[in-house]
Amino acid sequence: MELEEYVKENHPNVMEEYNCFVRDFVPSVGSEVVSLIGDLTGFPGQSLEVIGYSALGCSMDVFIDFKNRSNGETYICSSVKWHKKVKLINGEFVLIKSVNFND
């Protein structure tokens, strides 16, 4: 059993707190991340750079803007559960409340 599975099963309140805490942070502009899933870039393992943040839609959903380092293509990823789609390789985390949004 993986540690995450154990915590989910035996201490669900800890995982709930963790998920609430993680939602408040995003990788900073200029950070390098790697895609963990294929539906973001076509296949996992792509090196991406955080280039900004967008707020879209009526509910002002927050998205992280990425640029593929090898081909220059851009992608967006919802800030909700972003940590399950990309992994920070080099850079910092910032509070989502403190970021400036792209127009």
C-alpha atoms as a PDB file:
ATOM      1  CA  MET A   1       0.000   0.000   0.000  1.00  0.00           C
ATOM      2  CA  GLU A   2       1.348   3.432  -0.971  1.00  0.00           C
ATOM      3  CA  LEU A   3       1.572   6.116   1.700  1.00  0.00           C
ATOM      4  CA  GLU A   4      -1.060   8.264  -0.050  1.00  0.00           C
ATOM      5  CA  GLU A   5      -3.485   5.319  -0.136  1.00  0.00           C
ATOM      6  CA  TYR A   6      -2.864   4.615   3.558  1.00  0.00           C
ATOM      7  CA  VAL A   7      -3.527   8.248   4.517  1.00  0.00           C
ATOM      8  CA  LYS A   8      -6.687   8.398   2.373  1.00  0.00           C
ATOM      9  CA  GLU A   9      -7.993   5.220   3.944  1.00  0.00           C
ATOM     10  CA  ASN A  10      -7.031   5.828   7.564  1.00  0.00           C
ATOM     11  CA  HIS A  11      -6.878   9.616   7.871  1.00  0.00           C
ATOM     12  CA  PRO A  12      -9.213  11.167   5.261  1.00  0.00           C
ATOM     13  CA  ASN A  13      -9.262  14.520   7.069  1.00  0.00           C
ATOM     14  CA  VAL A  14      -5.498  14.871   6.491  1.00  0.00           C
ATOM     15  CA  MET A  15      -5.918  14.418   2.721  1.00  0.00           C
ATOM     16  CA  GLU A  16      -8.774  16.937   2.686  1.00  0.00           C
ATOM     17  CA  GLU A  17      -6.601  19.511   4.470  1.00  0.00           C
ATOM     18  CA  TYR A  18      -3.702  18.781   2.117  1.00  0.00           C
ATOM     19  CA  ASN A  19      -5.877  19.269  -0.979  1.00  0.00           C
ATOM     20  CA  CYS A  20      -7.220  22.566   0.375  1.00  0.00           C
ATOM     21  CA  PHE A  21      -3.679  23.755   1.111  1.00  0.00           C
ATOM     22  CA  VAL A  22      -2.284  22.741  -2.303  1.00  0.00           C
ATOM     23  CA  ARG A  23      -5.078  24.615  -4.134  1.00  0.00           C
ATOM     24  CA  ASP A  24      -3.711  27.899  -2.753  1.00  0.00           C
ATOM     25  CA  PHE A  25      -0.304  27.509  -4.445  1.00  0.00           C
ATOM     26  CA  VAL A  26       0.850  27.407  -8.085  1.00  0.00           C
ATOM     27  CA  PRO A  27       4.299  27.264  -9.707  1.00  0.00           C
ATOM     28  CA  SER A  28       5.724  30.751 -10.310  1.00  0.00           C
ATOM     29  CA  VAL A  29       6.279  32.304 -13.744  1.00  0.00           C
ATOM     30  CA  GLY A  30       9.518  30.995 -15.206  1.00  0.00           C
ATOM     31  CA  SER A  31       9.331  27.699 -13.314  1.00  0.00           C
ATOM     32  CA  GLU A  32      10.065  24.484 -15.173  1.00  0.00           C
ATOM     33  CA  VAL A  33       7.543  21.667 -14.853  1.00  0.00           C
ATOM     34  CA  VAL A  34       7.147  18.308 -16.537  1.00  0.00           C
ATOM     35  CA  SER A  35       3.789  16.986 -17.729  1.00  0.00           C
ATOM     36  CA  LEU A  36       2.609  13.883 -15.886  1.00  0.00           C
ATOM     37  CA  ILE A  37      -0.346  13.035 -18.128  1.00  0.00           C
ATOM     38  CA  GLY A  38      -0.858  12.830 -21.864  1.00  0.00           C
ATOM     39  CA  ASP A  39      -4.038  14.866 -22.154  1.00  0.00           C
ATOM     40  CA  LEU A  40      -2.161  18.092 -21.379  1.00  0.00           C
ATOM     41  CA  THR A  41       0.536  17.961 -24.090  1.00  0.00           C
ATOM     42  CA  GLY A  42      -0.172  14.813 -26.076  1.00  0.00           C
ATOM     43  CA  PHE A  43       2.093  12.595 -24.016  1.00  0.00           C
ATOM     44  CA  PRO A  44       3.694  12.734 -20.559  1.00  0.00           C
ATOM     45  CA  GLY A  45       7.260  13.804 -19.888  1.00  0.00           C
ATOM     46  CA  GLN A  46       7.231  17.099 -21.799  1.00  0.00           C
ATOM     47  CA  SER A  47       9.281  19.943 -20.310  1.00  0.00           C
ATOM     48  CA  LEU A  48       7.103  23.039 -19.882  1.00  0.00           C
ATOM     49  CA  GLU A  49       7.707  26.567 -18.652  1.00  0.00           C
ATOM     50  CA  VAL A  50       5.119  28.543 -16.688  1.00  0.00           C
ATOM     51  CA  ILE A  51       4.490  31.717 -18.715  1.00  0.00           C
ATOM     52  CA  GLY A  52       1.548  33.219 -16.822  1.00  0.00           C
ATOM     53  CA  TYR A  53      -1.951  32.796 -15.460  1.00  0.00           C
ATOM     54  CA  SER A  54      -5.417  33.354 -16.913  1.00  0.00           C
ATOM     55  CA  ALA A  55      -8.836  33.833 -15.347  1.00  0.00           C
ATOM     56  CA  LEU A  56     -11.566  32.685 -17.714  1.00  0.00           C
ATOM     57  CA  GLY A  57     -15.331  32.316 -17.718  1.00  0.00           C
ATOM     58  CA  CYS A  58     -18.131  33.658 -15.609  1.00  0.00           C
ATOM     59  CA  SER A  59     -16.811  32.068 -12.446  1.00  0.00           C
ATOM     60  CA  MET A  60     -13.296  33.352 -13.199  1.00  0.00           C
ATOM     61  CA  ASP A  61     -11.698  29.912 -13.151  1.00  0.00           C
ATOM     62  CA  VAL A  62      -7.918  30.227 -12.823  1.00  0.00           C
ATOM     63  CA  PHE A  63      -5.625  28.540 -15.338  1.00  0.00           C
ATOM     64  CA  ILE A  64      -1.861  28.168 -15.484  1.00  0.00           C
ATOM     65  CA  ASP A  65      -0.351  29.007 -18.890  1.00  0.00           C
ATOM     66  CA  PHE A  66       2.542  26.832 -20.088  1.00  0.00           C
ATOM     67  CA  LYS A  67       4.912  26.861 -23.046  1.00  0.00           C
ATOM     68  CA  ASN A  68       6.484  23.653 -24.334  1.00  0.00           C
ATOM     69  CA  ARG A  69      10.252  24.181 -24.157  1.00  0.00           C
ATOM     70  CA  SER A  70      10.989  22.019 -27.198  1.00  0.00           C
ATOM     71  CA  ASN A  71       8.422  23.237 -29.747  1.00  0.00           C
ATOM     72  CA  GLY A  72       7.037  26.507 -28.344  1.00  0.00           C
ATOM     73  CA  GLU A  73       3.394  25.327 -28.248  1.00  0.00           C
ATOM     74  CA  THR A  74       1.290  26.775 -25.446  1.00  0.00           C
ATOM     75  CA  TYR A  75      -1.148  24.997 -23.147  1.00  0.00           C
ATOM     76  CA  ILE A  76      -3.414  25.886 -20.249  1.00  0.00           C
ATOM     77  CA  CYS A  77      -4.144  23.813 -17.189  1.00  0.00           C
ATOM     78  CA  SER A  78      -6.781  24.430 -14.553  1.00  0.00           C
ATOM     79  CA  SER A  79      -5.288  25.442 -11.227  1.00  0.00           C
ATOM     80  CA  VAL A  80      -7.585  22.878  -9.597  1.00  0.00           C
ATOM     81  CA  LYS A  81      -5.512  19.727  -9.049  1.00  0.00           C
ATOM     82  CA  TRP A  82      -2.702  21.085 -11.242  1.00  0.00           C
ATOM     83  CA  HIS A  83      -0.271  19.079  -9.104  1.00  0.00           C
ATOM     84  CA  LYS A  84      -1.729  15.869 -10.552  1.00  0.00           C
ATOM     85  CA  LYS A  85      -1.024  17.051 -14.124  1.00  0.00           C
ATOM     86  CA  VAL A  86       2.459  18.564 -13.851  1.00  0.00           C
ATOM     87  CA  LYS A  87       5.390  18.275 -11.468  1.00  0.00           C
ATOM     88  CA  LEU A  88       7.626  21.177 -10.489  1.00  0.00           C
ATOM     89  CA  ILE A  89      11.227  20.509 -11.570  1.00  0.00           C
ATOM     90  CA  ASN A  90      12.862  23.894 -11.078  1.00  0.00           C
ATOM     91  CA  GLY A  91      11.329  27.028  -9.591  1.00  0.00           C
ATOM     92  CA  GLU A  92       9.189  28.262  -6.742  1.00  0.00           C
ATOM     93  CA  PHE A  93       5.598  28.082  -5.550  1.00  0.00           C
ATOM     94  CA  VAL A  94       3.546  31.258  -5.095  1.00  0.00           C
ATOM     95  CA  LEU A  95       0.178  31.934  -3.537  1.00  0.00           C
ATOM     96  CA  ILE A  96      -2.477  32.028  -6.228  1.00  0.00           C
ATOM     97  CA  LYS A  97      -3.904  35.181  -4.613  1.00  0.00           C
ATOM     98  CA  SER A  98      -0.684  37.055  -5.395  1.00  0.00           C
ATOM     99  CA  VAL A  99      -0.361  36.328  -9.137  1.00  0.00           C
ATOM    100  CA  ASN A 100      -1.039  38.794 -11.965  1.00  0.00           C
ATOM    101  CA  PHE A 101      -3.324  37.528 -14.707  1.00  0.00           C
ATOM    102  CA  ASN A 102      -2.704  37.789 -18.442  1.00  0.00           C
ATOM    103  CA  ASP A 103      -5.265  39.843 -20.382  1.00  0.00           C
END
